[in-house]
Amino acid sequence: MAHVDLHSVTQPVGIMRIMATILTCMCFSLVAAVGHVLSPTSSYWAWCMFTWCFCFAFSFLILILEFTTVNTKLPFGWDDFTAAFAILASLMCLTTSIIYPTFFAKNGGPRQVGASVVSWVCFGVYVGEVVLTRLRPRGETIGFLSTLPGIMKMLETLLACLIFTSLEEAQFVSHEIKWCVSVYALCFIFNVVIILLTLGRLASSFPFPFDKLVIGYNILATVMYMTAMVMWPLYSFRLDKCEPGCDRDKLIVVTFMTIMNSIVYILDTANSIRLVFCGSNH
């Protein structure tokens, strides 16, 4: 039977989560009060609103579950989940704190400026939560999502989301571009599946080594992203291929994010190979 745990909201991590809940609520409330006119940057506005609402909802949910001790009855690693969420939220708030002032607060009023400032404060709060959740006693085990490979998987997923927010139908004018979009979508889906399997502790139920399966996927995803890294700028920036509805600034964003994600996949693959094959020799 669930009971109330006051310590969960009075300890430093709990206080950080309360602050994050209030700050994210302030952000999307300020931006929603201003409203938004449909424009080529509408997808970025939607991403900012999604980030603040997502972080608010999950921070509030975590507070409620820990306050009522329901979290102890959940069938997955709670500490791994909360640590992973804090890392993901800090990354999402970082991107939002850069995107919103860049596109919407330059010529905006006090509410846009206020939302931009509060978003940066919220990013700092989530970073503080990450630090507190990773301060574990020596020798205490941590879950996959709190390790470097897990953080890389979340970063790859986040960068793919930023790519999706920059994609427009007017860009899909060639088979090469469609291949790049397929790469982004497939790698995103498989990353989410890997995250969910490890979070739900289902990886051990596979009849073959899950870590070697992940290495195989990482190698394949790296090769696929490298083809997209070459093909996307080569075919998307052709003047005769960019139709009137195509925003060239978004093409640049997709190009940059593709390069960034390719680098992350390369590092993820190299690190996975080192951990599985080199680590097993010790």
Protein backbone atom coordinates (compact mmCIF):
# COMPACT_ATOMS: atom_id res chain seq x y z
CA MET A 1 0.00 0.00 0.00
CA ALA A 2 1.35 3.42 -1.02
CA HIS A 3 2.20 5.97 1.64
CA VAL A 4 3.39 9.58 1.60
CA ASP A 5 7.14 10.23 1.56
CA LEU A 6 7.84 13.85 2.54
CA HIS A 7 11.59 13.33 2.24
CA SER A 8 11.25 12.95 -1.55
CA VAL A 9 10.26 16.62 -1.92
CA THR A 10 12.50 18.09 0.78
CA GLN A 11 15.80 16.52 -0.32
CA PRO A 12 17.97 18.51 -2.80
CA VAL A 13 16.89 16.45 -5.83
CA GLY A 14 13.23 16.87 -4.93
CA ILE A 15 13.67 20.64 -4.56
CA MET A 16 15.35 20.75 -7.98
CA ARG A 17 12.40 18.90 -9.51
CA ILE A 18 9.90 21.28 -7.90
CA MET A 19 11.86 24.23 -9.32
CA ALA A 20 11.99 22.60 -12.76
CA THR A 21 8.23 21.99 -12.70
CA ILE A 22 7.51 25.62 -11.83
CA LEU A 23 10.01 27.04 -14.34
CA THR A 24 8.86 24.93 -17.29
CA CYS A 25 5.26 25.86 -16.47
CA MET A 26 6.29 29.52 -16.54
CA CYS A 27 8.00 29.07 -19.92
CA PHE A 28 5.12 27.54 -21.82
CA SER A 29 2.61 29.84 -20.09
CA LEU A 30 4.52 32.96 -21.16
CA VAL A 31 4.93 31.72 -24.74
CA ALA A 32 1.33 30.53 -24.98
CA ALA A 33 0.12 33.95 -23.77
CA VAL A 34 2.00 35.60 -26.66
CA GLY A 35 0.68 33.17 -29.26
CA HIS A 36 2.27 32.42 -32.61
CA VAL A 37 1.55 33.21 -36.25
CA LEU A 38 2.10 30.46 -38.80
CA SER A 39 5.48 30.90 -40.49
CA PRO A 40 8.43 28.83 -41.78
CA THR A 41 9.71 28.69 -38.17
CA SER A 42 6.46 27.30 -36.74
CA SER A 43 8.00 23.86 -36.30
CA TYR A 44 10.70 25.37 -34.06
CA TRP A 45 8.04 27.13 -31.97
CA ALA A 46 6.22 23.80 -31.66
CA TRP A 47 9.46 22.10 -30.58
CA CYS A 48 10.02 24.70 -27.85
CA MET A 49 6.47 24.32 -26.57
CA PHE A 50 6.74 20.53 -26.69
CA THR A 51 10.01 20.62 -24.73
CA TRP A 52 8.62 22.76 -21.92
CA CYS A 53 5.34 20.81 -21.72
CA PHE A 54 7.16 17.45 -21.85
CA CYS A 55 9.64 18.44 -19.13
CA PHE A 56 6.85 19.90 -16.97
CA ALA A 57 4.67 16.79 -17.29
CA PHE A 58 7.44 14.30 -16.49
CA SER A 59 8.95 16.37 -13.68
CA PHE A 60 5.51 16.67 -12.10
CA LEU A 61 4.83 12.95 -12.64
CA ILE A 62 8.15 11.99 -11.02
CA LEU A 63 7.36 14.19 -8.02
CA ILE A 64 3.93 12.60 -7.58
CA LEU A 65 5.19 9.03 -7.97
CA GLU A 66 8.02 9.53 -5.48
CA PHE A 67 5.81 11.44 -3.03
CA THR A 68 3.28 8.58 -3.01
CA THR A 69 6.06 5.89 -3.21
CA VAL A 70 4.32 4.36 -6.24
CA ASN A 71 7.71 4.46 -7.98
CA THR A 72 8.88 1.51 -5.85
CA LYS A 73 6.27 -0.72 -7.49
CA LEU A 74 7.15 0.07 -11.11
CA PRO A 75 8.66 -2.76 -13.22
CA PHE A 76 11.74 -0.86 -14.40
CA GLY A 77 14.83 0.78 -12.93
CA TRP A 78 13.47 3.96 -11.36
CA ASP A 79 16.86 5.54 -10.59
CA ASP A 80 18.03 4.88 -14.14
CA PHE A 81 14.82 6.39 -15.52
CA THR A 82 14.99 9.58 -13.43
CA ALA A 83 18.70 10.07 -14.16
CA ALA A 84 18.08 9.53 -17.88
CA PHE A 85 15.15 11.95 -17.86
CA ALA A 86 17.25 14.65 -16.14
CA ILE A 87 19.95 14.26 -18.81
CA LEU A 88 17.41 14.30 -21.63
CA ALA A 89 15.55 17.30 -20.16
CA SER A 90 18.77 19.27 -19.78
CA LEU A 91 19.67 18.59 -23.44
CA MET A 92 16.18 19.51 -24.63
CA CYS A 93 16.13 22.71 -22.57
CA LEU A 94 19.57 23.62 -23.91
CA THR A 95 18.39 23.35 -27.52
CA THR A 96 15.19 25.24 -26.71
CA SER A 97 17.10 27.98 -24.86
CA ILE A 98 19.12 28.51 -28.05
CA ILE A 99 16.30 28.13 -30.58
CA TYR A 100 13.61 30.29 -28.96
CA PRO A 101 15.68 33.46 -28.43
CA THR A 102 17.25 33.06 -31.88
CA PHE A 103 13.97 32.87 -33.81
CA PHE A 104 11.31 34.45 -31.59
CA ALA A 105 12.78 36.77 -28.95
CA LYS A 106 15.06 39.04 -31.02
CA ASN A 107 12.26 41.50 -31.84
CA GLY A 108 9.84 40.23 -29.22
CA GLY A 109 8.28 41.77 -26.15
CA PRO A 110 8.99 41.21 -22.46
CA ARG A 111 7.18 37.86 -22.39
CA GLN A 112 9.40 36.36 -25.10
CA VAL A 113 12.51 37.69 -23.37
CA GLY A 114 11.23 36.42 -20.03
CA ALA A 115 10.57 32.95 -21.45
CA SER A 116 14.09 32.90 -22.91
CA VAL A 117 15.68 33.81 -19.57
CA VAL A 118 13.55 31.35 -17.59
CA SER A 119 14.38 28.61 -20.11
CA TRP A 120 18.10 29.11 -19.45
CA VAL A 121 17.47 28.98 -15.69
CA CYS A 122 15.48 25.78 -16.23
CA PHE A 123 18.42 24.31 -18.14
CA GLY A 124 20.67 25.10 -15.17
CA VAL A 125 18.22 23.44 -12.77
CA TYR A 126 18.15 20.24 -14.83
CA VAL A 127 21.95 20.23 -15.00
CA GLY A 128 21.96 20.50 -11.21
CA GLU A 129 19.58 17.55 -11.03
CA VAL A 130 21.89 15.54 -13.30
CA VAL A 131 24.82 16.25 -10.99
CA LEU A 132 22.83 15.26 -7.90
CA THR A 133 21.45 12.05 -9.44
CA ARG A 134 24.93 10.96 -10.55
CA LEU A 135 26.50 11.53 -7.12
CA ARG A 136 26.25 7.91 -6.04
CA PRO A 137 28.34 6.08 -3.43
CA ARG A 138 31.42 4.38 -4.83
CA GLY A 139 30.66 0.91 -6.12
CA GLU A 140 26.92 1.49 -6.52
CA THR A 141 25.74 0.24 -9.91
CA ILE A 142 24.01 2.58 -12.34
CA GLY A 143 21.69 1.77 -15.21
CA PHE A 144 22.47 1.78 -18.91
CA LEU A 145 20.87 5.17 -19.61
CA SER A 146 23.07 6.83 -16.99
CA THR A 147 26.25 5.56 -18.64
CA LEU A 148 28.10 7.07 -21.61
CA PRO A 149 26.56 4.66 -24.17
CA GLY A 150 23.08 5.42 -22.83
CA ILE A 151 23.69 9.17 -22.93
CA MET A 152 24.91 8.85 -26.52
CA LYS A 153 21.74 6.95 -27.45
CA MET A 154 19.60 9.75 -26.00
CA LEU A 155 21.71 12.39 -27.76
CA GLU A 156 21.30 10.57 -31.08
CA THR A 157 17.54 10.47 -30.53
CA LEU A 158 17.40 14.16 -29.60
CA LEU A 159 19.40 15.24 -32.66
CA ALA A 160 17.06 13.17 -34.84
CA CYS A 161 14.08 15.02 -33.30
CA LEU A 162 15.71 18.34 -34.18
CA ILE A 163 16.18 17.09 -37.74
CA PHE A 164 12.50 16.14 -37.92
CA THR A 165 11.44 19.64 -36.83
CA SER A 166 13.45 21.09 -39.75
CA LEU A 167 12.06 18.78 -42.43
CA GLU A 168 9.42 20.05 -44.83
CA GLU A 169 7.45 18.32 -47.55
CA ALA A 170 8.87 20.73 -50.13
CA GLN A 171 12.32 19.25 -49.49
CA PHE A 172 11.32 15.73 -50.56
CA VAL A 173 12.06 16.25 -54.25
CA SER A 174 14.47 13.44 -55.03
CA HIS A 175 15.08 9.80 -54.18
CA GLU A 176 18.37 10.76 -52.51
CA ILE A 177 16.60 13.12 -50.11
CA LYS A 178 13.97 10.49 -49.37
CA TRP A 179 16.78 8.05 -48.55
CA CYS A 180 18.21 10.56 -46.04
CA VAL A 181 14.80 10.96 -44.40
CA SER A 182 14.49 7.17 -44.22
CA VAL A 183 17.89 7.03 -42.48
CA TYR A 184 16.78 9.59 -39.90
CA ALA A 185 13.50 7.78 -39.26
CA LEU A 186 14.86 4.22 -39.09
CA CYS A 187 17.75 5.10 -36.78
CA PHE A 188 15.41 7.09 -34.56
CA ILE A 189 12.99 4.14 -34.26
CA PHE A 190 15.72 1.60 -33.46
CA ASN A 191 17.28 3.96 -30.90
CA VAL A 192 13.94 4.32 -29.12
CA VAL A 193 13.51 0.52 -29.14
CA ILE A 194 16.98 0.01 -27.62
CA ILE A 195 16.28 2.62 -24.93
CA LEU A 196 12.93 1.05 -24.04
CA LEU A 197 14.40 -2.49 -23.94
CA THR A 198 17.20 -1.46 -21.61
CA LEU A 199 14.94 0.68 -19.44
CA GLY A 200 12.46 -2.20 -19.12
CA ARG A 201 15.33 -4.64 -18.39
CA LEU A 202 14.28 -6.84 -21.32
CA ALA A 203 17.69 -7.03 -22.98
CA SER A 204 18.63 -10.13 -20.97
CA SER A 205 15.68 -12.06 -22.43
CA PHE A 206 17.25 -12.11 -25.90
CA PRO A 207 18.60 -15.53 -27.00
CA PHE A 208 21.84 -13.88 -28.16
CA PRO A 209 24.18 -11.22 -26.68
CA PHE A 210 22.28 -7.95 -26.76
CA ASP A 211 25.44 -5.83 -26.55
CA LYS A 212 26.83 -7.39 -29.74
CA LEU A 213 23.47 -6.76 -31.45
CA VAL A 214 23.73 -3.11 -30.47
CA ILE A 215 27.27 -2.96 -31.89
CA GLY A 216 26.01 -4.36 -35.20
CA TYR A 217 23.22 -1.79 -35.26
CA ASN A 218 25.64 1.04 -34.38
CA ILE A 219 27.93 0.11 -37.26
CA LEU A 220 25.01 -0.04 -39.70
CA ALA A 221 23.55 3.25 -38.41
CA THR A 222 26.96 4.93 -38.68
CA VAL A 223 27.33 3.88 -42.32
CA MET A 224 23.76 5.00 -43.08
CA TYR A 225 24.29 8.39 -41.44
CA MET A 226 27.55 8.89 -43.29
CA THR A 227 25.73 8.37 -46.60
CA ALA A 228 23.11 10.91 -45.45
CA MET A 229 25.88 13.32 -44.42
CA VAL A 230 27.15 13.28 -48.00
CA MET A 231 23.85 13.06 -49.88
CA TRP A 232 21.75 15.59 -47.94
CA PRO A 233 23.85 18.73 -48.64
CA LEU A 234 24.74 17.48 -52.12
CA TYR A 235 21.12 17.15 -53.28
CA SER A 236 19.19 19.51 -50.98
CA PHE A 237 21.13 22.68 -51.85
CA ARG A 238 20.77 22.37 -55.59
CA LEU A 239 19.02 25.52 -56.74
CA ASP A 240 16.80 23.63 -59.16
CA LYS A 241 15.82 21.21 -56.42
CA CYS A 242 14.79 23.73 -53.76
CA GLU A 243 11.18 24.57 -54.51
CA PRO A 244 9.43 27.86 -53.46
CA GLY A 245 8.15 26.30 -50.23
CA CYS A 246 11.63 25.18 -49.23
CA ASP A 247 13.37 27.12 -46.42
CA ARG A 248 17.12 27.10 -47.03
CA ASP A 249 17.86 27.94 -43.38
CA LYS A 250 16.23 24.66 -42.41
CA LEU A 251 18.36 22.84 -44.97
CA ILE A 252 21.42 24.21 -43.19
CA VAL A 253 20.07 23.08 -39.81
CA VAL A 254 19.44 19.55 -41.12
CA THR A 255 22.93 19.45 -42.64
CA PHE A 256 24.56 20.54 -39.38
CA MET A 257 22.51 18.12 -37.27
CA THR A 258 23.27 15.27 -39.67
CA ILE A 259 27.00 15.92 -39.33
CA MET A 260 26.69 16.15 -35.54
CA ASN A 261 24.72 12.92 -35.32
CA SER A 262 27.18 11.14 -37.62
CA ILE A 263 29.99 12.09 -35.25
CA VAL A 264 27.98 10.88 -32.24
CA TYR A 265 27.26 7.55 -33.97
CA ILE A 266 30.94 7.09 -34.80
CA LEU A 267 31.93 7.77 -31.18
CA ASP A 268 29.12 5.52 -29.93
CA THR A 269 30.25 2.66 -32.17
CA ALA A 270 33.91 3.02 -31.20
CA ASN A 271 33.02 3.15 -27.50
CA SER A 272 30.71 0.10 -27.75
CA ILE A 273 33.40 -1.95 -29.49
CA ARG A 274 35.93 -0.89 -26.85
CA LEU A 275 33.63 -1.85 -23.97
CA VAL A 276 32.55 -5.22 -25.39
CA PHE A 277 35.75 -6.56 -26.98
CA CYS A 278 38.56 -4.71 -25.21
CA GLY A 279 36.83 -4.73 -21.84
CA SER A 280 36.22 -8.48 -22.00
CA ASN A 281 39.97 -9.11 -22.24
CA HIS A 282 40.60 -7.73 -18.73
